[in-house]
Amino acid sequence: MTGFATLNGENGVFNWTWDLRSVNAKGLDIRQRVPDWIEGLEAAVRVELNKVLSRGSVSLALKIQKKEEQGALALNRTQLSNVLQALHEAETVAAEQGVNLAASRSVDILNVRGVLETASDGGDQKALLAVLLKQLPVLLNRFQEMRQTEGKALHTVLSEQLTQVETLTADATVVAERRQVETAQKLHTNLKRVMENADGVDSERVAQELAIIAVKADVTEELDRLRAHIEAARDFLKKGSPVGRKLDFLMQEFNREANTLCSKAQLIDLTRIGLDLKSVIDQMREQIQNVE
C-alpha cells in the first residue's frame, strides 16, 4: 500500500530529517539510506519496519547534519594508522603493476572519515542513536495513519466493485436460465430433424452426444463459484489482518470463472456480461495491489 511520512528532529549537536515512503509490491522490499557511522542504526530500523509492514516496496531515508563544531579537534591515531597502512599497501600494489600514484596530501588523509573528530564524537553517536530510535515509532505511527486513511478509501472502492460483480453475476444467471430453455428447445428440434432424415442412426447415441453438448454449455457451476468468491472476498475485507495476497489469489479465481463463462456463452447477452465481469475484475486486481 502506498504511504508517506516525514519527521524532523534535533538535539544539541545534530539535526535530522526522516523520510519514509512505500509503493505497491507483491512482497516486502525494504531499502534504507541511513548514516553508516551510527553503529546499530540500520539493523534496529529494519527490525521496527518488519514489525509493522508485511507488503510493499518501502524506502526509508535519514539525513543528518551536524551543527557548528563543538569542542577541539582530536586526532584518532588508530584510524590514522589504518588509513596510512591501507595507503602504503595501495602504493606497493600499484608499483608492482608499474603504476605511479600521485603523492598523497596531508589534507586528503585528514579528510578521511574518523581521522579527525571532536572530543565528544563517541558520546554524541551513542546519544544520537538513542534519540533516533526513540523518535522512530512516531514516524511509523504517522506512516500507518496515512496508510489507514488510504485503506478506508480503498475498502469503499473494492466493496463497490464487488457489488458490480454480484450484479453482473445475477444478470448472467437470468440470461443463462433463459438460454437453457432455448437450448433445450433447439436440441429437441435438432434431434427430431436428425432422426427424421437419417436411416439406421442410433437414437440413444445421438441423445448422448447432445447431452454432452448441453453439459459443456452449462454455466451453472461457474456462476455458483463466482457467488462463493464474492462472499469470500467480502469476508477478507472485513478482517483487520493483512489479506492482500489472499485477495490477489482470489482475483485469479474470479478471472478464471469469467473466462470460462465467456467461452461457454454461445449467446451475445451472456458474452457481454462475461466481458463486463472481466473488466471489473481487472480493475479490482489493480486496486488489490495496494492492499497489504
C-alpha atoms as a PDB file:
ATOM      1  CA  MET A   1       0.000   0.000   0.000  1.00  0.00           C
ATOM      2  CA  THR A   2       1.271   3.464  -0.784  1.00  0.00           C
ATOM      3  CA  GLY A   3       2.189   5.729   2.092  1.00  0.00           C
ATOM      4  CA  PHE A   4       4.380   8.661   3.084  1.00  0.00           C
ATOM      5  CA  ALA A   5       5.616  10.247   6.285  1.00  0.00           C
ATOM      6  CA  THR A   6       8.325  12.734   7.197  1.00  0.00           C
ATOM      7  CA  LEU A   7       9.654  13.884  10.549  1.00  0.00           C
ATOM      8  CA  ASN A   8      12.300  16.349  11.715  1.00  0.00           C
ATOM      9  CA  GLY A   9      14.353  16.235  14.867  1.00  0.00           C
ATOM     10  CA  GLU A  10      17.360  17.746  16.595  1.00  0.00           C
ATOM     11  CA  ASN A  11      19.451  17.610  19.712  1.00  0.00           C
ATOM     12  CA  GLY A  12      22.303  19.754  20.950  1.00  0.00           C
ATOM     13  CA  VAL A  13      24.721  18.510  18.293  1.00  0.00           C
ATOM     14  CA  PHE A  14      22.758  17.273  15.268  1.00  0.00           C
ATOM     15  CA  ASN A  15      19.573  17.950  13.340  1.00  0.00           C
ATOM     16  CA  TRP A  16      17.953  15.422  11.019  1.00  0.00           C
ATOM     17  CA  THR A  17      15.049  14.538   8.728  1.00  0.00           C
ATOM     18  CA  TRP A  18      13.312  11.188   8.363  1.00  0.00           C
ATOM     19  CA  ASP A  19      11.600  10.305   5.064  1.00  0.00           C
ATOM     20  CA  LEU A  20       9.552   7.097   4.814  1.00  0.00           C
ATOM     21  CA  ARG A  21       7.707   6.072   1.632  1.00  0.00           C
ATOM     22  CA  SER A  22       6.093   2.934   0.237  1.00  0.00           C
ATOM     23  CA  VAL A  23       4.639   1.929  -3.116  1.00  0.00           C
ATOM     24  CA  ASN A  24       2.809  -1.157  -4.319  1.00  0.00           C
ATOM     25  CA  ALA A  25       4.598  -4.513  -4.453  1.00  0.00           C
ATOM     26  CA  LYS A  26       3.653  -8.173  -4.157  1.00  0.00           C
ATOM     27  CA  GLY A  27       6.128  -8.795  -1.337  1.00  0.00           C
ATOM     28  CA  LEU A  28       8.020  -6.721   1.217  1.00  0.00           C
ATOM     29  CA  ASP A  29      11.138  -4.957  -0.013  1.00  0.00           C
ATOM     30  CA  ILE A  30      12.821  -2.576   2.448  1.00  0.00           C
ATOM     31  CA  ARG A  31      15.560  -0.210   1.297  1.00  0.00           C
ATOM     32  CA  GLN A  32      17.352   2.100   3.697  1.00  0.00           C
ATOM     33  CA  ARG A  33      19.631   5.080   3.305  1.00  0.00           C
ATOM     34  CA  VAL A  34      20.859   5.840   6.808  1.00  0.00           C
ATOM     35  CA  PRO A  35      24.277   7.051   8.006  1.00  0.00           C
ATOM     36  CA  ASP A  36      26.606   4.057   8.315  1.00  0.00           C
ATOM     37  CA  TRP A  37      28.678   5.760  11.011  1.00  0.00           C
ATOM     38  CA  ILE A  38      25.879   5.280  13.549  1.00  0.00           C
ATOM     39  CA  GLU A  39      26.562   1.721  14.611  1.00  0.00           C
ATOM     40  CA  GLY A  40      23.474  -0.446  15.018  1.00  0.00           C
ATOM     41  CA  LEU A  41      21.023   2.033  13.480  1.00  0.00           C
ATOM     42  CA  GLU A  42      20.263   0.223  10.217  1.00  0.00           C
ATOM     43  CA  ALA A  43      19.612  -3.139  11.875  1.00  0.00           C
ATOM     44  CA  ALA A  44      17.397  -1.596  14.572  1.00  0.00           C
ATOM     45  CA  VAL A  45      15.354   0.339  11.998  1.00  0.00           C
ATOM     46  CA  ARG A  46      14.846  -2.771   9.873  1.00  0.00           C
ATOM     47  CA  VAL A  47      13.521  -4.691  12.874  1.00  0.00           C
ATOM     48  CA  GLU A  48      10.964  -1.967  13.626  1.00  0.00           C
ATOM     49  CA  LEU A  49       9.833  -1.760   9.990  1.00  0.00           C
ATOM     50  CA  ASN A  50       9.319  -5.516   9.811  1.00  0.00           C
ATOM     51  CA  LYS A  51       7.083  -5.332  12.872  1.00  0.00           C
ATOM     52  CA  VAL A  52       4.528  -3.063  11.201  1.00  0.00           C
ATOM     53  CA  LEU A  53       4.867  -3.884   7.489  1.00  0.00           C
ATOM     54  CA  SER A  54       4.214  -7.046   5.521  1.00  0.00           C
ATOM     55  CA  ARG A  55       3.919  -5.852   1.922  1.00  0.00           C
ATOM     56  CA  GLY A  56       5.173  -3.059  -0.312  1.00  0.00           C
ATOM     57  CA  SER A  57       8.344  -1.540  -1.687  1.00  0.00           C
ATOM     58  CA  VAL A  58       9.485   0.602   1.235  1.00  0.00           C
ATOM     59  CA  SER A  59      12.256   3.176   1.239  1.00  0.00           C
ATOM     60  CA  LEU A  60      13.496   4.969   4.326  1.00  0.00           C
ATOM     61  CA  ALA A  61      15.994   7.819   4.227  1.00  0.00           C
ATOM     62  CA  LEU A  62      17.593   9.621   7.152  1.00  0.00           C
ATOM     63  CA  LYS A  63      19.594  12.787   6.536  1.00  0.00           C
ATOM     64  CA  ILE A  64      21.684  14.038   9.456  1.00  0.00           C
ATOM     65  CA  GLN A  65      23.632  17.274   9.677  1.00  0.00           C
ATOM     66  CA  LYS A  66      25.931  18.321  12.437  1.00  0.00           C
ATOM     67  CA  LYS A  67      25.573  21.760  13.880  1.00  0.00           C
ATOM     68  CA  GLU A  68      28.559  24.032  14.329  1.00  0.00           C
ATOM     69  CA  GLU A  69      31.542  22.093  15.588  1.00  0.00           C
ATOM     70  CA  GLN A  70      31.723  21.999  19.334  1.00  0.00           C
ATOM     71  CA  GLY A  71      34.976  21.228  21.153  1.00  0.00           C
ATOM     72  CA  ALA A  72      38.522  20.987  19.888  1.00  0.00           C
ATOM     73  CA  LEU A  73      39.512  18.636  17.085  1.00  0.00           C
ATOM     74  CA  ALA A  74      41.309  15.480  18.130  1.00  0.00           C
ATOM     75  CA  LEU A  75      43.377  13.069  16.055  1.00  0.00           C
ATOM     76  CA  ASN A  76      42.184   9.479  16.074  1.00  0.00           C
ATOM     77  CA  ARG A  77      45.549   7.734  15.974  1.00  0.00           C
ATOM     78  CA  THR A  78      44.101   4.283  15.434  1.00  0.00           C
ATOM     79  CA  GLN A  79      42.104   5.402  12.413  1.00  0.00           C
ATOM     80  CA  LEU A  80      45.077   7.354  11.067  1.00  0.00           C
ATOM     81  CA  SER A  81      47.275   4.271  11.385  1.00  0.00           C
ATOM     82  CA  ASN A  82      44.720   2.184   9.489  1.00  0.00           C
ATOM     83  CA  VAL A  83      44.495   4.773   6.709  1.00  0.00           C
ATOM     84  CA  LEU A  84      48.278   5.033   6.355  1.00  0.00           C
ATOM     85  CA  GLN A  85      48.635   1.243   6.291  1.00  0.00           C
ATOM     86  CA  ALA A  86      45.983   0.955   3.567  1.00  0.00           C
ATOM     87  CA  LEU A  87      47.667   3.750   1.618  1.00  0.00           C
ATOM     88  CA  HIS A  88      51.055   2.003   1.857  1.00  0.00           C
ATOM     89  CA  GLU A  89      49.563  -1.277   0.598  1.00  0.00           C
ATOM     90  CA  ALA A  90      47.880   0.527  -2.296  1.00  0.00           C
ATOM     91  CA  GLU A  91      51.161   2.188  -3.316  1.00  0.00           C
ATOM     92  CA  THR A  92      53.014  -1.145  -3.107  1.00  0.00           C
ATOM     93  CA  VAL A  93      50.500  -2.965  -5.305  1.00  0.00           C
ATOM     94  CA  ALA A  94      50.456  -0.090  -7.780  1.00  0.00           C
ATOM     95  CA  ALA A  95      54.263  -0.104  -8.015  1.00  0.00           C
ATOM     96  CA  GLU A  96      54.245  -3.853  -8.689  1.00  0.00           C
ATOM     97  CA  GLN A  97      51.864  -3.184 -11.571  1.00  0.00           C
ATOM     98  CA  GLY A  98      54.052  -0.384 -12.909  1.00  0.00           C
ATOM     99  CA  VAL A  99      51.617   2.348 -11.902  1.00  0.00           C
ATOM    100  CA  ASN A 100      52.835   5.517 -10.196  1.00  0.00           C
ATOM    101  CA  LEU A 101      50.345   7.038  -7.797  1.00  0.00           C
ATOM    102  CA  ALA A 102      50.294  10.736  -7.074  1.00  0.00           C
ATOM    103  CA  ALA A 103      51.679  11.684  -3.707  1.00  0.00           C
ATOM    104  CA  SER A 104      49.032  11.865  -1.008  1.00  0.00           C
ATOM    105  CA  ARG A 105      48.488  15.191   0.694  1.00  0.00           C
ATOM    106  CA  SER A 106      48.026  15.505   4.408  1.00  0.00           C
ATOM    107  CA  VAL A 107      44.693  17.264   3.895  1.00  0.00           C
ATOM    108  CA  ASP A 108      43.418  14.257   1.917  1.00  0.00           C
ATOM    109  CA  ILE A 109      44.322  11.918   4.730  1.00  0.00           C
ATOM    110  CA  LEU A 110      42.825  14.144   7.405  1.00  0.00           C
ATOM    111  CA  ASN A 111      39.558  14.312   5.445  1.00  0.00           C
ATOM    112  CA  VAL A 112      39.082  10.555   5.662  1.00  0.00           C
ATOM    113  CA  ARG A 113      36.148   9.872   7.965  1.00  0.00           C
ATOM    114  CA  GLY A 114      37.208   9.182  11.521  1.00  0.00           C
ATOM    115  CA  VAL A 115      40.750  10.538  11.316  1.00  0.00           C
ATOM    116  CA  LEU A 116      39.707  13.871  12.815  1.00  0.00           C
ATOM    117  CA  GLU A 117      36.918  14.040  15.368  1.00  0.00           C
ATOM    118  CA  THR A 118      35.744  16.242  18.142  1.00  0.00           C
ATOM    119  CA  ALA A 119      36.373  15.163  21.679  1.00  0.00           C
ATOM    120  CA  SER A 120      32.677  14.375  22.102  1.00  0.00           C
ATOM    121  CA  ASP A 121      32.078  12.371  18.884  1.00  0.00           C
ATOM    122  CA  GLY A 122      31.896   8.985  20.639  1.00  0.00           C
ATOM    123  CA  GLY A 123      29.320  10.120  23.157  1.00  0.00           C
ATOM    124  CA  ASP A 124      27.402  12.070  20.526  1.00  0.00           C
ATOM    125  CA  GLN A 125      26.958   8.922  18.419  1.00  0.00           C
ATOM    126  CA  LYS A 126      25.531   6.850  21.260  1.00  0.00           C
ATOM    127  CA  ALA A 127      23.236   9.623  22.395  1.00  0.00           C
ATOM    128  CA  LEU A 128      22.099  10.241  18.829  1.00  0.00           C
ATOM    129  CA  LEU A 129      21.299   6.559  18.280  1.00  0.00           C
ATOM    130  CA  ALA A 130      19.136   6.513  21.413  1.00  0.00           C
ATOM    131  CA  VAL A 131      17.233   9.652  20.383  1.00  0.00           C
ATOM    132  CA  LEU A 132      16.656   8.390  16.835  1.00  0.00           C
ATOM    133  CA  LEU A 133      15.306   5.025  17.990  1.00  0.00           C
ATOM    134  CA  LYS A 134      13.029   6.783  20.450  1.00  0.00           C
ATOM    135  CA  GLN A 135      11.653   9.003  17.692  1.00  0.00           C
ATOM    136  CA  LEU A 136      11.236   6.201  15.112  1.00  0.00           C
ATOM    137  CA  PRO A 137       7.832   4.986  16.495  1.00  0.00           C
ATOM    138  CA  VAL A 138       6.445   8.495  15.979  1.00  0.00           C
ATOM    139  CA  LEU A 139       7.435   8.332  12.310  1.00  0.00           C
ATOM    140  CA  LEU A 140       5.914   4.863  11.938  1.00  0.00           C
ATOM    141  CA  ASN A 141       2.663   5.988  13.564  1.00  0.00           C
ATOM    142  CA  ARG A 142       2.327   8.865  11.095  1.00  0.00           C
ATOM    143  CA  PHE A 143       3.086   6.489   8.257  1.00  0.00           C
ATOM    144  CA  GLN A 144       0.479   3.974   9.411  1.00  0.00           C
ATOM    145  CA  GLU A 145      -2.153   6.678   9.901  1.00  0.00           C
ATOM    146  CA  MET A 146      -1.795   7.741   6.274  1.00  0.00           C
ATOM    147  CA  ARG A 147      -1.971   4.129   5.090  1.00  0.00           C
ATOM    148  CA  GLN A 148      -5.087   3.529   7.183  1.00  0.00           C
ATOM    149  CA  THR A 149      -6.768   6.560   5.653  1.00  0.00           C
ATOM    150  CA  GLU A 150      -5.999   5.258   2.195  1.00  0.00           C
ATOM    151  CA  GLY A 151      -7.109   1.787   3.273  1.00  0.00           C
ATOM    152  CA  LYS A 152     -10.576   3.048   4.236  1.00  0.00           C
ATOM    153  CA  ALA A 153     -10.990   4.679   0.840  1.00  0.00           C
ATOM    154  CA  LEU A 154      -9.748   1.518  -0.853  1.00  0.00           C
ATOM    155  CA  HIS A 155     -12.221  -0.593   1.148  1.00  0.00           C
ATOM    156  CA  THR A 156     -15.066   1.520  -0.228  1.00  0.00           C
ATOM    157  CA  VAL A 157     -13.831   1.149  -3.805  1.00  0.00           C
ATOM    158  CA  LEU A 158     -13.419  -2.632  -3.561  1.00  0.00           C
ATOM    159  CA  SER A 159     -16.819  -3.040  -1.908  1.00  0.00           C
ATOM    160  CA  GLU A 160     -18.467  -1.134  -4.757  1.00  0.00           C
ATOM    161  CA  GLN A 161     -16.632  -3.257  -7.324  1.00  0.00           C
ATOM    162  CA  LEU A 162     -17.741  -6.446  -5.583  1.00  0.00           C
ATOM    163  CA  THR A 163     -21.314  -5.177  -5.777  1.00  0.00           C
ATOM    164  CA  GLN A 164     -20.851  -4.709  -9.533  1.00  0.00           C
ATOM    165  CA  VAL A 165     -19.570  -8.282  -9.846  1.00  0.00           C
ATOM    166  CA  GLU A 166     -22.518  -9.527  -7.812  1.00  0.00           C
ATOM    167  CA  THR A 167     -24.997  -7.638 -10.021  1.00  0.00           C
ATOM    168  CA  LEU A 168     -23.391  -8.945 -13.209  1.00  0.00           C
ATOM    169  CA  THR A 169     -23.418 -12.488 -11.814  1.00  0.00           C
ATOM    170  CA  ALA A 170     -27.127 -12.169 -11.077  1.00  0.00           C
ATOM    171  CA  ASP A 171     -27.735 -10.862 -14.621  1.00  0.00           C
ATOM    172  CA  ALA A 172     -25.754 -13.782 -16.027  1.00  0.00           C
ATOM    173  CA  THR A 173     -27.865 -16.216 -14.007  1.00  0.00           C
ATOM    174  CA  VAL A 174     -31.084 -14.818 -15.519  1.00  0.00           C
ATOM    175  CA  VAL A 175     -29.672 -14.938 -19.060  1.00  0.00           C
ATOM    176  CA  ALA A 176     -28.274 -18.451 -18.520  1.00  0.00           C
ATOM    177  CA  GLU A 177     -31.660 -19.738 -17.345  1.00  0.00           C
ATOM    178  CA  ARG A 178     -33.337 -18.235 -20.404  1.00  0.00           C
ATOM    179  CA  ARG A 179     -30.659 -19.701 -22.626  1.00  0.00           C
ATOM    180  CA  GLN A 180     -31.135 -23.104 -21.017  1.00  0.00           C
ATOM    181  CA  VAL A 181     -34.767 -23.200 -22.093  1.00  0.00           C
ATOM    182  CA  GLU A 182     -33.915 -22.035 -25.604  1.00  0.00           C
ATOM    183  CA  THR A 183     -31.044 -24.522 -25.860  1.00  0.00           C
ATOM    184  CA  ALA A 184     -33.275 -27.411 -24.760  1.00  0.00           C
ATOM    185  CA  GLN A 185     -35.817 -26.494 -27.440  1.00  0.00           C
ATOM    186  CA  LYS A 186     -33.103 -26.281 -30.120  1.00  0.00           C
ATOM    187  CA  LEU A 187     -31.616 -29.608 -29.107  1.00  0.00           C
ATOM    188  CA  HIS A 188     -35.032 -31.233 -29.200  1.00  0.00           C
ATOM    189  CA  THR A 189     -35.718 -29.777 -32.662  1.00  0.00           C
ATOM    190  CA  ASN A 190     -32.307 -30.810 -33.969  1.00  0.00           C
ATOM    191  CA  LEU A 191     -32.653 -34.292 -32.590  1.00  0.00           C
ATOM    192  CA  LYS A 192     -36.047 -34.691 -34.254  1.00  0.00           C
ATOM    193  CA  ARG A 193     -34.643 -33.418 -37.579  1.00  0.00           C
ATOM    194  CA  VAL A 194     -31.739 -35.855 -37.420  1.00  0.00           C
ATOM    195  CA  MET A 195     -33.949 -38.792 -36.627  1.00  0.00           C
ATOM    196  CA  GLU A 196     -36.343 -37.959 -39.464  1.00  0.00           C
ATOM    197  CA  ASN A 197     -33.616 -37.615 -42.114  1.00  0.00           C
ATOM    198  CA  ALA A 198     -31.235 -40.416 -41.225  1.00  0.00           C
ATOM    199  CA  ASP A 199     -31.691 -44.146 -41.527  1.00  0.00           C
ATOM    200  CA  GLY A 200     -30.071 -46.519 -39.102  1.00  0.00           C
ATOM    201  CA  VAL A 201     -28.964 -43.831 -36.675  1.00  0.00           C
ATOM    202  CA  ASP A 202     -28.630 -44.948 -33.070  1.00  0.00           C
ATOM    203  CA  SER A 203     -31.056 -42.636 -31.319  1.00  0.00           C
ATOM    204  CA  GLU A 204     -29.518 -43.315 -27.905  1.00  0.00           C
ATOM    205  CA  ARG A 205     -26.034 -42.407 -29.163  1.00  0.00           C
ATOM    206  CA  VAL A 206     -27.324 -39.162 -30.686  1.00  0.00           C
ATOM    207  CA  ALA A 207     -29.103 -38.318 -27.452  1.00  0.00           C
ATOM    208  CA  GLN A 208     -25.887 -38.926 -25.509  1.00  0.00           C
ATOM    209  CA  GLU A 209     -23.897 -36.630 -27.800  1.00  0.00           C
ATOM    210  CA  LEU A 210     -26.494 -33.892 -27.475  1.00  0.00           C
ATOM    211  CA  ALA A 211     -26.473 -34.318 -23.692  1.00  0.00           C
ATOM    212  CA  ILE A 212     -22.692 -33.887 -23.648  1.00  0.00           C
ATOM    213  CA  ILE A 213     -23.031 -30.692 -25.672  1.00  0.00           C
ATOM    214  CA  ALA A 214     -25.624 -29.399 -23.227  1.00  0.00           C
ATOM    215  CA  VAL A 215     -23.387 -30.164 -20.232  1.00  0.00           C
ATOM    216  CA  LYS A 216     -20.422 -28.406 -21.812  1.00  0.00           C
ATOM    217  CA  ALA A 217     -22.528 -25.309 -22.420  1.00  0.00           C
ATOM    218  CA  ASP A 218     -23.900 -25.219 -18.857  1.00  0.00           C
ATOM    219  CA  VAL A 219     -22.501 -22.316 -16.787  1.00  0.00           C
ATOM    220  CA  THR A 220     -24.248 -23.111 -13.508  1.00  0.00           C
ATOM    221  CA  GLU A 221     -21.039 -24.179 -11.754  1.00  0.00           C
ATOM    222  CA  GLU A 222     -19.168 -21.077 -12.885  1.00  0.00           C
ATOM    223  CA  LEU A 223     -21.912 -18.802 -11.569  1.00  0.00           C
ATOM    224  CA  ASP A 224     -22.021 -20.706  -8.264  1.00  0.00           C
ATOM    225  CA  ARG A 225     -18.267 -20.314  -7.855  1.00  0.00           C
ATOM    226  CA  LEU A 226     -18.479 -16.606  -8.660  1.00  0.00           C
ATOM    227  CA  ARG A 227     -21.039 -16.158  -5.886  1.00  0.00           C
ATOM    228  CA  ALA A 228     -18.797 -18.092  -3.491  1.00  0.00           C
ATOM    229  CA  HIS A 229     -15.802 -15.920  -4.438  1.00  0.00           C
ATOM    230  CA  ILE A 230     -17.831 -12.761  -3.808  1.00  0.00           C
ATOM    231  CA  GLU A 231     -18.699 -13.947  -0.317  1.00  0.00           C
ATOM    232  CA  ALA A 232     -15.072 -14.906   0.389  1.00  0.00           C
ATOM    233  CA  ALA A 233     -13.800 -11.523  -0.817  1.00  0.00           C
ATOM    234  CA  ARG A 234     -16.215  -9.680   1.455  1.00  0.00           C
ATOM    235  CA  ASP A 235     -15.086 -11.789   4.401  1.00  0.00           C
ATOM    236  CA  PHE A 236     -11.460 -10.870   3.656  1.00  0.00           C
ATOM    237  CA  LEU A 237     -12.319  -7.164   3.522  1.00  0.00           C
ATOM    238  CA  LYS A 238     -13.891  -7.395   6.975  1.00  0.00           C
ATOM    239  CA  LYS A 239     -10.710  -8.794   8.513  1.00  0.00           C
ATOM    240  CA  GLY A 240      -8.142  -6.475  10.056  1.00  0.00           C
ATOM    241  CA  SER A 241      -5.147  -8.695   9.336  1.00  0.00           C
ATOM    242  CA  PRO A 242      -3.122  -8.402   6.092  1.00  0.00           C
ATOM    243  CA  VAL A 243      -5.134 -10.086   3.310  1.00  0.00           C
ATOM    244  CA  GLY A 244      -3.582  -8.612   0.165  1.00  0.00           C
ATOM    245  CA  ARG A 245      -2.011 -11.845  -1.054  1.00  0.00           C
ATOM    246  CA  LYS A 246      -5.169 -13.850  -0.380  1.00  0.00           C
ATOM    247  CA  LEU A 247      -7.259 -11.339  -2.312  1.00  0.00           C
ATOM    248  CA  ASP A 248      -4.721 -11.359  -5.122  1.00  0.00           C
ATOM    249  CA  PHE A 249      -5.065 -15.136  -5.416  1.00  0.00           C
ATOM    250  CA  LEU A 250      -8.856 -14.886  -5.221  1.00  0.00           C
ATOM    251  CA  MET A 251      -8.833 -12.453  -8.155  1.00  0.00           C
ATOM    252  CA  GLN A 252      -7.175 -15.146 -10.251  1.00  0.00           C
ATOM    253  CA  GLU A 253     -10.098 -17.430  -9.435  1.00  0.00           C
ATOM    254  CA  PHE A 254     -12.567 -14.664 -10.325  1.00  0.00           C
ATOM    255  CA  ASN A 255     -10.864 -14.183 -13.669  1.00  0.00           C
ATOM    256  CA  ARG A 256     -10.817 -17.911 -14.388  1.00  0.00           C
ATOM    257  CA  GLU A 257     -14.584 -18.196 -13.918  1.00  0.00           C
ATOM    258  CA  ALA A 258     -15.228 -15.105 -16.061  1.00  0.00           C
ATOM    259  CA  ASN A 259     -13.076 -16.551 -18.868  1.00  0.00           C
ATOM    260  CA  THR A 260     -14.945 -19.866 -18.742  1.00  0.00           C
ATOM    261  CA  LEU A 261     -18.258 -18.043 -18.767  1.00  0.00           C
ATOM    262  CA  CYS A 262     -17.268 -16.217 -21.945  1.00  0.00           C
ATOM    263  CA  SER A 263     -16.041 -19.407 -23.632  1.00  0.00           C
ATOM    264  CA  LYS A 264     -19.323 -21.197 -22.873  1.00  0.00           C
ATOM    265  CA  ALA A 265     -21.620 -18.247 -23.546  1.00  0.00           C
ATOM    266  CA  GLN A 266     -22.935 -19.045 -27.064  1.00  0.00           C
ATOM    267  CA  LEU A 267     -25.179 -16.026 -26.615  1.00  0.00           C
ATOM    268  CA  ILE A 268     -24.419 -12.367 -27.237  1.00  0.00           C
ATOM    269  CA  ASP A 269     -26.008 -11.163 -23.988  1.00  0.00           C
ATOM    270  CA  LEU A 270     -24.063 -13.688 -21.897  1.00  0.00           C
ATOM    271  CA  THR A 271     -20.823 -12.866 -23.687  1.00  0.00           C
ATOM    272  CA  ARG A 272     -21.359  -9.175 -22.980  1.00  0.00           C
ATOM    273  CA  ILE A 273     -21.887  -9.871 -19.284  1.00  0.00           C
ATOM    274  CA  GLY A 274     -18.775 -12.046 -19.215  1.00  0.00           C
ATOM    275  CA  LEU A 275     -16.690  -9.266 -20.761  1.00  0.00           C
ATOM    276  CA  ASP A 276     -18.101  -6.739 -18.284  1.00  0.00           C
ATOM    277  CA  LEU A 277     -17.156  -9.112 -15.470  1.00  0.00           C
ATOM    278  CA  LYS A 278     -13.603  -9.398 -16.782  1.00  0.00           C
ATOM    279  CA  SER A 279     -13.340  -5.609 -16.939  1.00  0.00           C
ATOM    280  CA  VAL A 280     -14.464  -5.109 -13.319  1.00  0.00           C
ATOM    281  CA  ILE A 281     -12.292  -7.985 -12.082  1.00  0.00           C
ATOM    282  CA  ASP A 282      -9.277  -6.477 -13.816  1.00  0.00           C
ATOM    283  CA  GLN A 283      -9.940  -3.152 -12.079  1.00  0.00           C
ATOM    284  CA  MET A 284     -10.181  -4.973  -8.746  1.00  0.00           C
ATOM    285  CA  ARG A 285      -6.852  -6.730  -9.350  1.00  0.00           C
ATOM    286  CA  GLU A 286      -5.165  -3.363  -9.852  1.00  0.00           C
ATOM    287  CA  GLN A 287      -6.642  -1.994  -6.638  1.00  0.00           C
ATOM    288  CA  ILE A 288      -5.741  -5.094  -4.642  1.00  0.00           C
ATOM    289  CA  GLN A 289      -2.074  -4.499  -5.400  1.00  0.00           C
ATOM    290  CA  ASN A 290      -2.483  -1.622  -2.907  1.00  0.00           C
ATOM    291  CA  VAL A 291      -3.794  -3.896  -0.134  1.00  0.00           C
ATOM    292  CA  GLU A 292      -1.356  -5.124   2.474  1.00  0.00           C
END
